[in-house]
Amino acid sequence: GCHDLKFFPAEPSGGLPMLASIKAPWAHLGIRYIPLGGITAANLHTWLSDPDVLAVGGSWLARRELIDAEAWDQITALAAQATAISRAVRQPATATT
């Protein structure tokens, strides 16, 4: 069966609270979600904090105007920002003793 599902449009549908209500009856199945729609650098950490969120998609990473302008440096910077947020949430620093 399918265990990874797209959740779109994520933010316009009610965001993480809506996903929480949708996924509750199916929690025992181990389904993971990929939210798209309205995901931005500003709310990325919130989505990635949910253990049932496998990945996210976001057009903010490579907006059409940046591609058309061949603004690869800006796209690279946005991707680096998203990567840093993802790592901060999914791979938190461990304390050393």
PDB file of N, CA and C in Angstrom:
ATOM      1  N   GLY A   1       0.801  -1.178   0.000  1.00  0.00           N
ATOM      2  CA  GLY A   1       0.000   0.000   0.000  1.00  0.00           C
ATOM      3  C   GLY A   1       0.856   1.259   0.000  1.00  0.00           C
ATOM      4  N   CYS A   2       0.196   2.343  -0.153  1.00  0.00           N
ATOM      5  CA  CYS A   2       0.854   3.650  -0.176  1.00  0.00           C
ATOM      6  C   CYS A   2       1.051   4.146   1.251  1.00  0.00           C
ATOM      7  N   HIS A   3       2.268   4.534   1.572  1.00  0.00           N
ATOM      8  CA  HIS A   3       2.562   5.023   2.917  1.00  0.00           C
ATOM      9  C   HIS A   3       3.094   6.444   2.928  1.00  0.00           C
ATOM     10  N   ASP A   4       3.259   7.050   1.778  1.00  0.00           N
ATOM     11  CA  ASP A   4       3.725   8.431   1.668  1.00  0.00           C
ATOM     12  C   ASP A   4       2.704   9.185   0.822  1.00  0.00           C
ATOM     13  N   LEU A   5       2.107  10.236   1.401  1.00  0.00           N
ATOM     14  CA  LEU A   5       1.038  10.953   0.722  1.00  0.00           C
ATOM     15  C   LEU A   5       1.333  12.441   0.609  1.00  0.00           C
ATOM     16  N   LYS A   6       0.956  13.006  -0.501  1.00  0.00           N
ATOM     17  CA  LYS A   6       1.048  14.447  -0.722  1.00  0.00           C
ATOM     18  C   LYS A   6      -0.130  15.118  -0.013  1.00  0.00           C
ATOM     19  N   PHE A   7       0.153  16.232   0.679  1.00  0.00           N
ATOM     20  CA  PHE A   7      -0.889  17.030   1.324  1.00  0.00           C
ATOM     21  C   PHE A   7      -0.869  18.408   0.680  1.00  0.00           C
ATOM     22  N   PHE A   8      -1.859  18.672  -0.187  1.00  0.00           N
ATOM     23  CA  PHE A   8      -1.895  19.918  -0.958  1.00  0.00           C
ATOM     24  C   PHE A   8      -3.327  20.411  -1.060  1.00  0.00           C
ATOM     25  N   PRO A   9      -3.505  21.698  -0.948  1.00  0.00           N
ATOM     26  CA  PRO A   9      -2.573  22.764  -0.580  1.00  0.00           C
ATOM     27  C   PRO A   9      -2.460  22.864   0.941  1.00  0.00           C
ATOM     28  N   ALA A  10      -1.293  22.701   1.443  1.00  0.00           N
ATOM     29  CA  ALA A  10      -1.061  22.557   2.880  1.00  0.00           C
ATOM     30  C   ALA A  10      -1.501  23.773   3.704  1.00  0.00           C
ATOM     31  N   GLU A  11      -0.923  24.910   3.462  1.00  0.00           N
ATOM     32  CA  GLU A  11      -1.256  26.097   4.258  1.00  0.00           C
ATOM     33  C   GLU A  11      -2.687  26.585   4.006  1.00  0.00           C
ATOM     34  N   PRO A  12      -3.118  26.733   2.755  1.00  0.00           N
ATOM     35  CA  PRO A  12      -4.493  27.189   2.536  1.00  0.00           C
ATOM     36  C   PRO A  12      -5.553  26.244   3.114  1.00  0.00           C
ATOM     37  N   SER A  13      -5.207  24.979   3.303  1.00  0.00           N
ATOM     38  CA  SER A  13      -6.156  24.003   3.855  1.00  0.00           C
ATOM     39  C   SER A  13      -6.248  24.056   5.372  1.00  0.00           C
ATOM     40  N   GLY A  14      -5.396  24.833   6.003  1.00  0.00           N
ATOM     41  CA  GLY A  14      -5.436  24.914   7.460  1.00  0.00           C
ATOM     42  C   GLY A  14      -4.122  24.595   8.132  1.00  0.00           C
ATOM     43  N   GLY A  15      -3.100  24.331   7.344  1.00  0.00           N
ATOM     44  CA  GLY A  15      -1.767  24.131   7.894  1.00  0.00           C
ATOM     45  C   GLY A  15      -1.617  22.857   8.702  1.00  0.00           C
ATOM     46  N   LEU A  16      -0.658  22.891   9.600  1.00  0.00           N
ATOM     47  CA  LEU A  16      -0.340  21.714  10.406  1.00  0.00           C
ATOM     48  C   LEU A  16      -1.514  21.261  11.282  1.00  0.00           C
ATOM     49  N   PRO A  17      -2.320  22.177  11.845  1.00  0.00           N
ATOM     50  CA  PRO A  17      -3.482  21.701  12.605  1.00  0.00           C
ATOM     51  C   PRO A  17      -4.444  20.859  11.753  1.00  0.00           C
ATOM     52  N   MET A  18      -4.635  21.247  10.508  1.00  0.00           N
ATOM     53  CA  MET A  18      -5.507  20.462   9.626  1.00  0.00           C
ATOM     54  C   MET A  18      -4.889  19.101   9.332  1.00  0.00           C
ATOM     55  N   LEU A  19      -3.584  19.078   9.070  1.00  0.00           N
ATOM     56  CA  LEU A  19      -2.926  17.797   8.825  1.00  0.00           C
ATOM     57  C   LEU A  19      -3.053  16.901  10.049  1.00  0.00           C
ATOM     58  N   ALA A  20      -2.904  17.473  11.239  1.00  0.00           N
ATOM     59  CA  ALA A  20      -3.024  16.681  12.464  1.00  0.00           C
ATOM     60  C   ALA A  20      -4.400  16.028  12.561  1.00  0.00           C
ATOM     61  N   SER A  21      -5.441  16.757  12.203  1.00  0.00           N
ATOM     62  CA  SER A  21      -6.786  16.178  12.278  1.00  0.00           C
ATOM     63  C   SER A  21      -7.020  15.133  11.192  1.00  0.00           C
ATOM     64  N   ILE A  22      -6.426  15.344  10.032  1.00  0.00           N
ATOM     65  CA  ILE A  22      -6.582  14.381   8.935  1.00  0.00           C
ATOM     66  C   ILE A  22      -5.841  13.080   9.232  1.00  0.00           C
ATOM     67  N   LYS A  23      -4.646  13.187   9.777  1.00  0.00           N
ATOM     68  CA  LYS A  23      -3.817  11.993   9.952  1.00  0.00           C
ATOM     69  C   LYS A  23      -4.171  11.170  11.189  1.00  0.00           C
ATOM     70  N   ALA A  24      -4.876  11.756  12.136  1.00  0.00           N
ATOM     71  CA  ALA A  24      -5.157  11.072  13.401  1.00  0.00           C
ATOM     72  C   ALA A  24      -5.766   9.674  13.224  1.00  0.00           C
ATOM     73  N   PRO A  25      -6.793   9.500  12.407  1.00  0.00           N
ATOM     74  CA  PRO A  25      -7.385   8.159  12.284  1.00  0.00           C
ATOM     75  C   PRO A  25      -6.471   7.123  11.630  1.00  0.00           C
ATOM     76  N   TRP A  26      -5.437   7.595  10.960  1.00  0.00           N
ATOM     77  CA  TRP A  26      -4.570   6.683  10.210  1.00  0.00           C
ATOM     78  C   TRP A  26      -3.187   6.525  10.848  1.00  0.00           C
ATOM     79  N   ALA A  27      -3.011   7.051  12.047  1.00  0.00           N
ATOM     80  CA  ALA A  27      -1.695   7.041  12.696  1.00  0.00           C
ATOM     81  C   ALA A  27      -1.112   5.630  12.809  1.00  0.00           C
ATOM     82  N   HIS A  28      -1.941   4.647  13.035  1.00  0.00           N
ATOM     83  CA  HIS A  28      -1.469   3.267  13.198  1.00  0.00           C
ATOM     84  C   HIS A  28      -0.901   2.673  11.909  1.00  0.00           C
ATOM     85  N   LEU A  29      -1.127   3.327  10.778  1.00  0.00           N
ATOM     86  CA  LEU A  29      -0.640   2.813   9.493  1.00  0.00           C
ATOM     87  C   LEU A  29       0.761   3.298   9.134  1.00  0.00           C
ATOM     88  N   GLY A  30       1.296   4.245   9.900  1.00  0.00           N
ATOM     89  CA  GLY A  30       2.643   4.739   9.621  1.00  0.00           C
ATOM     90  C   GLY A  30       2.739   5.592   8.370  1.00  0.00           C
ATOM     91  N   ILE A  31       1.654   6.261   8.017  1.00  0.00           N
ATOM     92  CA  ILE A  31       1.664   7.107   6.819  1.00  0.00           C
ATOM     93  C   ILE A  31       2.483   8.363   7.084  1.00  0.00           C
ATOM     94  N   ARG A  32       3.277   8.738   6.086  1.00  0.00           N
ATOM     95  CA  ARG A  32       4.056   9.972   6.159  1.00  0.00           C
ATOM     96  C   ARG A  32       3.532  10.921   5.085  1.00  0.00           C
ATOM     97  N   TYR A  33       3.694  12.207   5.340  1.00  0.00           N
ATOM     98  CA  TYR A  33       3.081  13.218   4.479  1.00  0.00           C
ATOM     99  C   TYR A  33       4.120  14.152   3.881  1.00  0.00           C
ATOM    100  N   ILE A  34       3.800  14.631   2.685  1.00  0.00           N
ATOM    101  CA  ILE A  34       4.642  15.601   1.984  1.00  0.00           C
ATOM    102  C   ILE A  34       3.766  16.816   1.692  1.00  0.00           C
ATOM    103  N   PRO A  35       3.813  17.826   2.577  1.00  0.00           N
ATOM    104  CA  PRO A  35       2.994  19.009   2.354  1.00  0.00           C
ATOM    105  C   PRO A  35       3.582  19.919   1.281  1.00  0.00           C
ATOM    106  N   LEU A  36       2.708  20.464   0.466  1.00  0.00           N
ATOM    107  CA  LEU A  36       3.058  21.440  -0.560  1.00  0.00           C
ATOM    108  C   LEU A  36       1.960  22.495  -0.580  1.00  0.00           C
ATOM    109  N   GLY A  37       2.323  23.696  -0.947  1.00  0.00           N
ATOM    110  CA  GLY A  37       1.348  24.770  -1.048  1.00  0.00           C
ATOM    111  C   GLY A  37       1.399  25.676   0.161  1.00  0.00           C
ATOM    112  N   GLY A  38       2.037  26.802  -0.008  1.00  0.00           N
ATOM    113  CA  GLY A  38       2.139  27.761   1.082  1.00  0.00           C
ATOM    114  C   GLY A  38       3.306  27.527   2.018  1.00  0.00           C
ATOM    115  N   ILE A  39       4.141  26.552   1.730  1.00  0.00           N
ATOM    116  CA  ILE A  39       5.328  26.305   2.544  1.00  0.00           C
ATOM    117  C   ILE A  39       6.366  27.357   2.169  1.00  0.00           C
ATOM    118  N   THR A  40       6.937  27.992   3.178  1.00  0.00           N
ATOM    119  CA  THR A  40       7.949  29.028   2.969  1.00  0.00           C
ATOM    120  C   THR A  40       9.085  28.819   3.958  1.00  0.00           C
ATOM    121  N   ALA A  41      10.128  29.594   3.795  1.00  0.00           N
ATOM    122  CA  ALA A  41      11.233  29.533   4.756  1.00  0.00           C
ATOM    123  C   ALA A  41      10.745  29.902   6.152  1.00  0.00           C
ATOM    124  N   ALA A  42       9.744  30.769   6.231  1.00  0.00           N
ATOM    125  CA  ALA A  42       9.233  31.222   7.528  1.00  0.00           C
ATOM    126  C   ALA A  42       8.480  30.132   8.290  1.00  0.00           C
ATOM    127  N   ASN A  43       7.839  29.195   7.592  1.00  0.00           N
ATOM    128  CA  ASN A  43       7.091  28.150   8.297  1.00  0.00           C
ATOM    129  C   ASN A  43       7.673  26.749   8.096  1.00  0.00           C
ATOM    130  N   LEU A  44       8.777  26.663   7.404  1.00  0.00           N
ATOM    131  CA  LEU A  44       9.402  25.371   7.125  1.00  0.00           C
ATOM    132  C   LEU A  44       9.717  24.606   8.400  1.00  0.00           C
ATOM    133  N   HIS A  45      10.260  25.292   9.410  1.00  0.00           N
ATOM    134  CA  HIS A  45      10.626  24.613  10.661  1.00  0.00           C
ATOM    135  C   HIS A  45       9.412  23.979  11.338  1.00  0.00           C
ATOM    136  N   THR A  46       8.270  24.639  11.252  1.00  0.00           N
ATOM    137  CA  THR A  46       7.057  24.102  11.867  1.00  0.00           C
ATOM    138  C   THR A  46       6.654  22.791  11.210  1.00  0.00           C
ATOM    139  N   TRP A  47       6.659  22.773   9.892  1.00  0.00           N
ATOM    140  CA  TRP A  47       6.287  21.553   9.169  1.00  0.00           C
ATOM    141  C   TRP A  47       7.272  20.426   9.439  1.00  0.00           C
ATOM    142  N   LEU A  48       8.558  20.733   9.409  1.00  0.00           N
ATOM    143  CA  LEU A  48       9.568  19.685   9.589  1.00  0.00           C
ATOM    144  C   LEU A  48       9.640  19.181  11.026  1.00  0.00           C
ATOM    145  N   SER A  49       9.038  19.912  11.956  1.00  0.00           N
ATOM    146  CA  SER A  49       9.020  19.470  13.352  1.00  0.00           C
ATOM    147  C   SER A  49       8.051  18.311  13.572  1.00  0.00           C
ATOM    148  N   ASP A  50       7.138  18.117  12.655  1.00  0.00           N
ATOM    149  CA  ASP A  50       6.185  17.018  12.772  1.00  0.00           C
ATOM    150  C   ASP A  50       6.855  15.729  12.302  1.00  0.00           C
ATOM    151  N   PRO A  51       6.925  14.714  13.149  1.00  0.00           N
ATOM    152  CA  PRO A  51       7.618  13.475  12.769  1.00  0.00           C
ATOM    153  C   PRO A  51       6.961  12.719  11.617  1.00  0.00           C
ATOM    154  N   ASP A  52       5.703  13.017  11.326  1.00  0.00           N
ATOM    155  CA  ASP A  52       5.027  12.345  10.219  1.00  0.00           C
ATOM    156  C   ASP A  52       5.205  13.070   8.892  1.00  0.00           C
ATOM    157  N   VAL A  53       5.921  14.182   8.898  1.00  0.00           N
ATOM    158  CA  VAL A  53       6.211  14.899   7.654  1.00  0.00           C
ATOM    159  C   VAL A  53       7.527  14.363   7.105  1.00  0.00           C
ATOM    160  N   LEU A  54       7.438  13.709   5.971  1.00  0.00           N
ATOM    161  CA  LEU A  54       8.606  13.104   5.328  1.00  0.00           C
ATOM    162  C   LEU A  54       9.476  14.156   4.659  1.00  0.00           C
ATOM    163  N   ALA A  55       8.839  15.067   3.960  1.00  0.00           N
ATOM    164  CA  ALA A  55       9.535  16.106   3.199  1.00  0.00           C
ATOM    165  C   ALA A  55       8.529  17.210   2.920  1.00  0.00           C
ATOM    166  N   VAL A  56       8.996  18.316   2.406  1.00  0.00           N
ATOM    167  CA  VAL A  56       8.105  19.407   2.002  1.00  0.00           C
ATOM    168  C   VAL A  56       8.495  19.861   0.604  1.00  0.00           C
ATOM    169  N   GLY A  57       7.584  20.540  -0.038  1.00  0.00           N
ATOM    170  CA  GLY A  57       7.881  21.147  -1.326  1.00  0.00           C
ATOM    171  C   GLY A  57       7.567  22.622  -1.244  1.00  0.00           C
ATOM    172  N   GLY A  58       8.342  23.407  -1.946  1.00  0.00           N
ATOM    173  CA  GLY A  58       8.088  24.838  -1.915  1.00  0.00           C
ATOM    174  C   GLY A  58       8.603  25.538  -3.148  1.00  0.00           C
ATOM    175  N   SER A  59       7.738  26.279  -3.795  1.00  0.00           N
ATOM    176  CA  SER A  59       8.154  27.003  -4.996  1.00  0.00           C
ATOM    177  C   SER A  59       8.996  28.224  -4.667  1.00  0.00           C
ATOM    178  N   TRP A  60       9.057  28.602  -3.382  1.00  0.00           N
ATOM    179  CA  TRP A  60       9.879  29.750  -3.010  1.00  0.00           C
ATOM    180  C   TRP A  60      11.359  29.488  -3.299  1.00  0.00           C
ATOM    181  N   LEU A  61      11.748  28.246  -3.391  1.00  0.00           N
ATOM    182  CA  LEU A  61      13.152  27.908  -3.632  1.00  0.00           C
ATOM    183  C   LEU A  61      13.640  28.338  -5.011  1.00  0.00           C
ATOM    184  N   ALA A  62      12.772  28.212  -5.986  1.00  0.00           N
ATOM    185  CA  ALA A  62      13.162  28.544  -7.367  1.00  0.00           C
ATOM    186  C   ALA A  62      11.965  29.177  -8.072  1.00  0.00           C
ATOM    187  N   ARG A  63      11.663  30.394  -7.658  1.00  0.00           N
ATOM    188  CA  ARG A  63      10.532  31.108  -8.266  1.00  0.00           C
ATOM    189  C   ARG A  63      10.801  31.369  -9.746  1.00  0.00           C
ATOM    190  N   ARG A  64       9.742  31.402 -10.509  1.00  0.00           N
ATOM    191  CA  ARG A  64       9.832  31.581 -11.964  1.00  0.00           C
ATOM    192  C   ARG A  64      10.669  32.799 -12.328  1.00  0.00           C
ATOM    193  N   GLU A  65      10.480  33.918 -11.631  1.00  0.00           N
ATOM    194  CA  GLU A  65      11.241  35.126 -11.981  1.00  0.00           C
ATOM    195  C   GLU A  65      12.737  34.959 -11.733  1.00  0.00           C
ATOM    196  N   LEU A  66      13.103  34.162 -10.742  1.00  0.00           N
ATOM    197  CA  LEU A  66      14.526  33.902 -10.496  1.00  0.00           C
ATOM    198  C   LEU A  66      15.106  33.009 -11.589  1.00  0.00           C
ATOM    199  N   ILE A  67      14.343  32.029 -12.007  1.00  0.00           N
ATOM    200  CA  ILE A  67      14.799  31.153 -13.093  1.00  0.00           C
ATOM    201  C   ILE A  67      14.927  31.948 -14.388  1.00  0.00           C
ATOM    202  N   ASP A  68      13.893  32.733 -14.695  1.00  0.00           N
ATOM    203  CA  ASP A  68      13.925  33.539 -15.922  1.00  0.00           C
ATOM    204  C   ASP A  68      15.105  34.506 -15.938  1.00  0.00           C
ATOM    205  N   ALA A  69      15.449  35.034 -14.757  1.00  0.00           N
ATOM    206  CA  ALA A  69      16.568  35.975 -14.646  1.00  0.00           C
ATOM    207  C   ALA A  69      17.909  35.257 -14.516  1.00  0.00           C
ATOM    208  N   GLU A  70      17.855  33.923 -14.511  1.00  0.00           N
ATOM    209  CA  GLU A  70      19.059  33.109 -14.314  1.00  0.00           C
ATOM    210  C   GLU A  70      19.811  33.539 -13.053  1.00  0.00           C
ATOM    211  N   ALA A  71      19.034  33.780 -12.009  1.00  0.00           N
ATOM    212  CA  ALA A  71      19.588  34.221 -10.724  1.00  0.00           C
ATOM    213  C   ALA A  71      19.977  33.002  -9.893  1.00  0.00           C
ATOM    214  N   TRP A  72      20.927  32.248 -10.429  1.00  0.00           N
ATOM    215  CA  TRP A  72      21.323  30.986  -9.800  1.00  0.00           C
ATOM    216  C   TRP A  72      21.902  31.206  -8.412  1.00  0.00           C
ATOM    217  N   ASP A  73      22.572  32.322  -8.201  1.00  0.00           N
ATOM    218  CA  ASP A  73      23.130  32.605  -6.880  1.00  0.00           C
ATOM    219  C   ASP A  73      22.020  32.792  -5.847  1.00  0.00           C
ATOM    220  N   GLN A  74      20.938  33.441  -6.225  1.00  0.00           N
ATOM    221  CA  GLN A  74      19.817  33.621  -5.299  1.00  0.00           C
ATOM    222  C   GLN A  74      19.103  32.298  -5.035  1.00  0.00           C
ATOM    223  N   ILE A  75      18.938  31.496  -6.070  1.00  0.00           N
ATOM    224  CA  ILE A  75      18.316  30.181  -5.900  1.00  0.00           C
ATOM    225  C   ILE A  75      19.188  29.309  -5.004  1.00  0.00           C
ATOM    226  N   THR A  76      20.485  29.368  -5.214  1.00  0.00           N
ATOM    227  CA  THR A  76      21.417  28.609  -4.373  1.00  0.00           C
ATOM    228  C   THR A  76      21.324  29.066  -2.923  1.00  0.00           C
ATOM    229  N   ALA A  77      21.233  30.368  -2.700  1.00  0.00           N
ATOM    230  CA  ALA A  77      21.125  30.905  -1.340  1.00  0.00           C
ATOM    231  C   ALA A  77      19.824  30.454  -0.677  1.00  0.00           C
ATOM    232  N   LEU A  78      18.728  30.448  -1.416  1.00  0.00           N
ATOM    233  CA  LEU A  78      17.453  29.991  -0.869  1.00  0.00           C
ATOM    234  C   LEU A  78      17.499  28.500  -0.539  1.00  0.00           C
ATOM    235  N   ALA A  79      18.130  27.720  -1.399  1.00  0.00           N
ATOM    236  CA  ALA A  79      18.275  26.287  -1.131  1.00  0.00           C
ATOM    237  C   ALA A  79      19.156  26.050   0.091  1.00  0.00           C
ATOM    238  N   ALA A  80      20.210  26.841   0.233  1.00  0.00           N
ATOM    239  CA  ALA A  80      21.086  26.718   1.402  1.00  0.00           C
ATOM    240  C   ALA A  80      20.327  27.080   2.679  1.00  0.00           C
ATOM    241  N   GLN A  81      19.484  28.107   2.602  1.00  0.00           N
ATOM    242  CA  GLN A  81      18.674  28.499   3.750  1.00  0.00           C
ATOM    243  C   GLN A  81      17.722  27.366   4.143  1.00  0.00           C
ATOM    244  N   ALA A  82      17.062  26.780   3.171  1.00  0.00           N
ATOM    245  CA  ALA A  82      16.143  25.672   3.444  1.00  0.00           C
ATOM    246  C   ALA A  82      16.887  24.470   4.022  1.00  0.00           C
ATOM    247  N   THR A  83      18.065  24.197   3.499  1.00  0.00           N
ATOM    248  CA  THR A  83      18.877  23.091   4.010  1.00  0.00           C
ATOM    249  C   THR A  83      19.276  23.342   5.456  1.00  0.00           C
ATOM    250  N   ALA A  84      19.672  24.565   5.770  1.00  0.00           N
ATOM    251  CA  ALA A  84      20.066  24.907   7.140  1.00  0.00           C
ATOM    252  C   ALA A  84      18.890  24.747   8.102  1.00  0.00           C
ATOM    253  N   ILE A  85      17.713  25.189   7.688  1.00  0.00           N
ATOM    254  CA  ILE A  85      16.523  25.037   8.531  1.00  0.00           C
ATOM    255  C   ILE A  85      16.218  23.558   8.735  1.00  0.00           C
ATOM    256  N   SER A  86      16.268  22.792   7.669  1.00  0.00           N
ATOM    257  CA  SER A  86      15.995  21.361   7.754  1.00  0.00           C
ATOM    258  C   SER A  86      16.970  20.661   8.693  1.00  0.00           C
ATOM    259  N   ARG A  87      18.229  20.962   8.550  1.00  0.00           N
ATOM    260  CA  ARG A  87      19.230  20.333   9.422  1.00  0.00           C
ATOM    261  C   ARG A  87      19.038  20.736  10.875  1.00  0.00           C
ATOM    262  N   ALA A  88      18.689  21.995  11.118  1.00  0.00           N
ATOM    263  CA  ALA A  88      18.486  22.458  12.492  1.00  0.00           C
ATOM    264  C   ALA A  88      17.322  21.725  13.158  1.00  0.00           C
ATOM    265  N   VAL A  89      16.301  21.417  12.377  1.00  0.00           N
ATOM    266  CA  VAL A  89      15.126  20.739  12.920  1.00  0.00           C
ATOM    267  C   VAL A  89      15.332  19.232  12.987  1.00  0.00           C
ATOM    268  N   ARG A  90      15.847  18.657  11.934  1.00  0.00           N
ATOM    269  CA  ARG A  90      15.922  17.200  11.834  1.00  0.00           C
ATOM    270  C   ARG A  90      17.204  16.595  12.401  1.00  0.00           C
ATOM    271  N   GLN A  91      18.251  17.392  12.510  1.00  0.00           N
ATOM    272  CA  GLN A  91      19.515  16.898  13.055  1.00  0.00           C
ATOM    273  C   GLN A  91      19.999  17.859  14.130  1.00  0.00           C
ATOM    274  N   PRO A  92      19.248  17.979  15.238  1.00  0.00           N
ATOM    275  CA  PRO A  92      19.657  18.934  16.268  1.00  0.00           C
ATOM    276  C   PRO A  92      21.022  18.583  16.837  1.00  0.00           C
ATOM    277  N   ALA A  93      21.736  19.614  17.234  1.00  0.00           N
ATOM    278  CA  ALA A  93      23.067  19.416  17.821  1.00  0.00           C
ATOM    279  C   ALA A  93      22.931  18.584  19.088  1.00  0.00           C
ATOM    280  N   THR A  94      23.870  17.700  19.286  1.00  0.00           N
ATOM    281  CA  THR A  94      23.859  16.883  20.493  1.00  0.00           C
ATOM    282  C   THR A  94      24.837  17.471  21.489  1.00  0.00           C
ATOM    283  N   ALA A  95      24.492  17.342  22.731  1.00  0.00           N
ATOM    284  CA  ALA A  95      25.356  17.861  23.792  1.00  0.00           C
ATOM    285  C   ALA A  95      26.584  16.978  23.925  1.00  0.00           C
ATOM    286  N   THR A  96      27.698  17.591  24.152  1.00  0.00           N
ATOM    287  CA  THR A  96      28.927  16.833  24.378  1.00  0.00           C
ATOM    288  C   THR A  96      29.224  16.836  25.860  1.00  0.00           C
ATOM    289  N   THR A  97      29.771  15.743  26.326  1.00  0.00           N
ATOM    290  CA  THR A  97      30.093  15.654  27.754  1.00  0.00           C
ATOM    291  C   THR A  97      31.569  15.574  27.958  1.00  0.00           C
TER     292      THR A  97
END
